[in-house]
Protein backbone atom coordinates (compact mmCIF):
# COMPACT_ATOMS: atom_id res chain seq x y z
CA MET A 1 48.89 -1.80 -10.11
CA SER A 2 47.97 -0.47 -13.54
CA LEU A 3 46.15 2.84 -13.94
CA ASN A 4 43.02 1.07 -15.22
CA ARG A 5 43.03 -1.30 -12.24
CA LYS A 6 43.45 1.62 -9.81
CA LYS A 7 40.54 3.39 -11.48
CA HIS A 8 38.31 0.31 -11.09
CA ALA A 9 39.36 -0.10 -7.44
CA LYS A 10 38.48 3.57 -6.72
CA ILE A 11 35.09 3.20 -8.41
CA LEU A 12 34.46 0.09 -6.31
CA ARG A 13 35.37 1.93 -3.08
CA ASP A 14 33.14 4.87 -4.04
CA PHE A 15 30.22 2.60 -4.86
CA ARG A 16 30.69 0.76 -1.56
CA LYS A 17 30.52 4.10 0.31
CA VAL A 18 27.40 5.23 -1.56
CA HIS A 19 25.78 1.84 -0.96
CA ARG A 20 26.65 1.85 2.75
CA TYR A 21 25.65 5.45 3.56
CA THR A 22 22.45 5.41 1.50
CA GLY A 23 21.44 2.16 3.18
CA ALA A 24 22.16 3.54 6.64
CA LEU A 25 20.20 6.75 5.98
CA LEU A 26 17.15 5.06 4.50
CA PHE A 27 17.08 1.88 6.60
CA VAL A 28 13.85 2.77 8.46
CA PHE A 29 12.00 3.67 5.24
CA PHE A 30 13.06 0.47 3.50
CA PHE A 31 12.17 -1.57 6.58
CA ILE A 32 8.64 -0.09 6.57
CA ILE A 33 8.30 -0.60 2.80
CA ALA A 34 9.49 -4.22 3.03
CA ILE A 35 7.20 -5.22 5.92
CA SER A 36 4.11 -3.39 4.60
CA GLY A 37 4.74 -4.59 1.03
CA THR A 38 5.01 -8.20 2.16
CA LEU A 39 1.80 -7.95 4.18
CA LEU A 40 -0.01 -6.22 1.30
CA GLY A 41 1.03 -9.02 -1.02
CA LEU A 42 -0.56 -11.51 1.38
CA LYS A 43 -3.67 -9.50 2.32
CA LYS A 44 -6.18 -11.60 0.39
CA ASN A 45 -4.78 -14.77 1.95
CA THR A 46 -5.08 -13.71 5.59
CA GLY A 47 -8.76 -14.47 6.10
CA ASP A 48 -10.39 -11.45 7.72
CA LEU A 49 -7.17 -10.33 9.42
CA LEU A 50 -6.06 -7.55 7.04
CA LEU A 51 -9.04 -7.25 4.72
CA PRO A 52 -12.58 -8.53 5.21
CA LYS A 53 -13.47 -11.41 2.90
CA THR A 54 -15.81 -10.36 0.12
CA ARG A 55 -19.24 -11.83 0.78
CA THR A 56 -21.80 -12.79 -1.89
CA GLY A 57 -25.12 -11.02 -2.46
CA THR A 58 -28.35 -12.35 -3.94
CA SER A 59 -28.14 -10.93 -7.48
CA GLU A 60 -25.48 -10.00 -10.01
CA ASP A 61 -28.13 -8.34 -12.21
CA LEU A 62 -27.76 -4.58 -11.68
CA SER A 63 -31.35 -3.97 -12.84
CA LYS A 64 -32.51 -5.82 -9.71
CA TRP A 65 -30.32 -3.72 -7.42
CA LEU A 66 -31.63 -0.97 -5.19
CA PRO A 67 -30.50 2.56 -6.14
CA LEU A 68 -27.18 3.63 -4.59
CA PRO A 69 -28.78 6.36 -2.43
CA VAL A 70 -31.01 3.67 -0.85
CA LEU A 71 -28.01 1.42 -0.19
CA GLU A 72 -26.15 4.40 1.27
CA GLN A 73 -29.08 5.20 3.55
CA ASN A 74 -29.15 1.57 4.72
CA VAL A 75 -25.47 1.85 5.61
CA TYR A 76 -26.06 5.04 7.62
CA GLU A 77 -29.03 3.44 9.42
CA TYR A 78 -26.94 0.36 10.20
CA MET A 79 -24.12 2.50 11.62
CA LYS A 80 -26.63 4.43 13.74
CA SER A 81 -28.16 1.18 15.06
CA GLN A 82 -24.68 0.05 16.10
CA GLY A 83 -24.16 3.25 18.10
CA ALA A 84 -21.51 4.57 15.74
CA THR A 85 -21.28 8.25 15.14
CA THR A 86 -22.17 8.96 11.54
CA ASN A 87 -19.01 8.61 9.53
CA GLU A 88 -18.44 10.00 6.07
CA ILE A 89 -18.24 7.47 3.25
CA ASP A 90 -14.92 7.63 1.40
CA ARG A 91 -15.81 5.42 -1.54
CA ILE A 92 -18.17 2.75 -2.76
CA ASP A 93 -16.71 -0.36 -4.36
CA ILE A 94 -19.28 -2.13 -6.53
CA ARG A 95 -18.66 -5.86 -6.95
CA LYS A 96 -21.20 -6.78 -9.63
CA ASP A 97 -19.93 -10.35 -9.91
CA LYS A 98 -20.48 -10.83 -6.17
CA GLY A 99 -23.78 -8.90 -6.01
CA ILE A 100 -22.53 -6.51 -3.33
CA ALA A 101 -21.40 -2.95 -2.71
CA LYS A 102 -18.60 -2.20 -0.25
CA PHE A 103 -18.92 1.11 1.56
CA ILE A 104 -15.51 2.20 2.84
CA LEU A 105 -15.60 4.84 5.56
CA LYS A 106 -13.37 7.89 5.45
CA ASN A 107 -12.05 8.43 8.97
CA ASP A 108 -12.15 4.83 10.05
CA LEU A 109 -10.64 1.64 8.73
CA LYS A 110 -14.14 0.18 8.47
CA GLU A 111 -15.85 -1.44 5.52
CA ILE A 112 -19.54 -2.32 5.32
CA GLN A 113 -20.60 -4.86 2.68
CA ILE A 114 -24.22 -4.65 1.61
CA ASP A 115 -26.34 -6.81 -0.69
CA GLY A 116 -27.08 -4.76 -3.80
CA ALA A 117 -30.53 -6.27 -4.37
CA THR A 118 -31.92 -6.46 -0.83
CA GLY A 119 -29.96 -3.73 0.95
CA THR A 120 -29.09 -6.14 3.76
CA VAL A 121 -25.78 -5.61 5.52
CA LEU A 122 -23.75 -8.77 4.91
CA SER A 123 -20.55 -7.94 6.71
CA THR A 124 -18.63 -5.27 8.55
CA GLY A 125 -14.94 -5.35 9.21
CA LYS A 126 -11.72 -3.44 9.63
CA ARG A 127 -9.56 -2.77 6.58
CA TYR A 128 -6.09 -2.84 8.10
CA SER A 129 -4.75 -3.17 4.57
CA ASP A 130 -5.68 0.50 4.00
CA LEU A 131 -3.43 1.49 6.91
CA LEU A 132 -0.65 -0.68 5.47
CA GLU A 133 -1.06 1.01 2.07
CA ASP A 134 -0.83 4.43 3.72
CA LEU A 135 2.34 3.37 5.56
CA HIS A 136 3.77 1.79 2.42
CA ASP A 137 3.38 4.87 0.22
CA GLY A 138 3.98 7.54 2.89
CA SER A 139 0.50 9.07 2.80
CA PHE A 140 0.10 8.17 6.50
CA VAL A 141 2.42 11.10 7.37
CA ASP A 142 0.49 13.47 5.08
CA ASP A 143 -2.82 12.45 6.69
CA THR A 144 -1.49 12.57 10.26
CA PHE A 145 0.05 16.04 9.94
CA ASN A 146 -2.45 17.44 7.38
CA LEU A 147 0.33 18.18 4.90
CA PRO A 148 -0.86 19.80 1.66
CA ASN A 149 -0.97 18.05 -1.72
CA GLY A 150 0.56 14.81 -0.48
CA ILE A 151 3.97 16.49 -0.32
CA PHE A 152 5.54 13.93 2.03
CA LYS A 153 4.29 11.05 -0.11
CA ILE A 154 5.86 12.62 -3.20
CA ILE A 155 9.22 13.30 -1.53
CA TYR A 156 9.23 9.88 0.16
CA THR A 157 8.40 8.06 -3.08
CA VAL A 158 11.00 9.93 -5.14
CA ILE A 159 13.78 9.48 -2.56
CA CYS A 160 13.03 5.79 -2.04
CA GLY A 161 12.73 5.19 -5.79
CA ILE A 162 16.05 6.88 -6.53
CA ALA A 163 17.67 5.06 -3.60
CA LEU A 164 16.39 1.71 -4.86
CA LEU A 165 17.82 2.47 -8.29
CA THR A 166 21.11 3.51 -6.65
CA PHE A 167 21.19 0.26 -4.63
CA THR A 168 20.57 -1.75 -7.78
CA ILE A 169 23.41 -0.07 -9.68
CA THR A 170 25.92 0.00 -6.83
CA GLY A 171 24.97 -3.50 -5.68
CA PHE A 172 25.46 -4.87 -9.18
CA TRP A 173 28.85 -3.18 -9.46
CA LEU A 174 29.89 -4.43 -6.01
CA TRP A 175 29.13 -7.94 -7.26
CA TYR A 176 30.44 -7.58 -10.81
CA GLY A 177 33.38 -5.19 -10.23
CA PRO A 178 35.70 -7.67 -8.47
CA LYS A 179 34.95 -10.32 -11.10
CA HIS A 180 35.79 -7.81 -13.83
CA MET A 181 39.04 -6.79 -12.10
CA LYS A 182 40.04 -10.44 -11.60
CA ARG A 183 39.44 -11.22 -15.27
CA ALA A 184 41.36 -8.12 -16.37
CA ARG A 185 44.56 -9.31 -14.60
């Protein structure tokens, strides 16, 4: 075997080892990323299963809408009437083209859709897609264990990103390397 061929064979063996051990170490992370990513890609096509369908309000004209503090108060009154303990609002998603505002609660997976013009609650539902996003990007661990500055998410994202790049390079070489060696004979 020529020196060049031996060198290529060694590189192939090394890449195979890196590919195998990296895959074994990060299997659980990639499994979670694959499942959650697939479900997130389908979330708008699952009816109300992962994400409540966006309802339609009575007016797209913002000048006819009630002020946001009034809409917010209506949401709090609705939650109280349903026997829910007052929950902090995480964010408000304005859908002008649909005539609604979505109030997403902070410590719950709940969303309340309200008509911007009348203040009527149109829909409430669970946002399981938010949980999937937190699992997908690693922020679930930060939130669960109150880790500062999203440190787990950062480490998780960097490690998985580098591993994916490593898999791409080693996987390509595991496919191309034998072809290259065969041609070089």
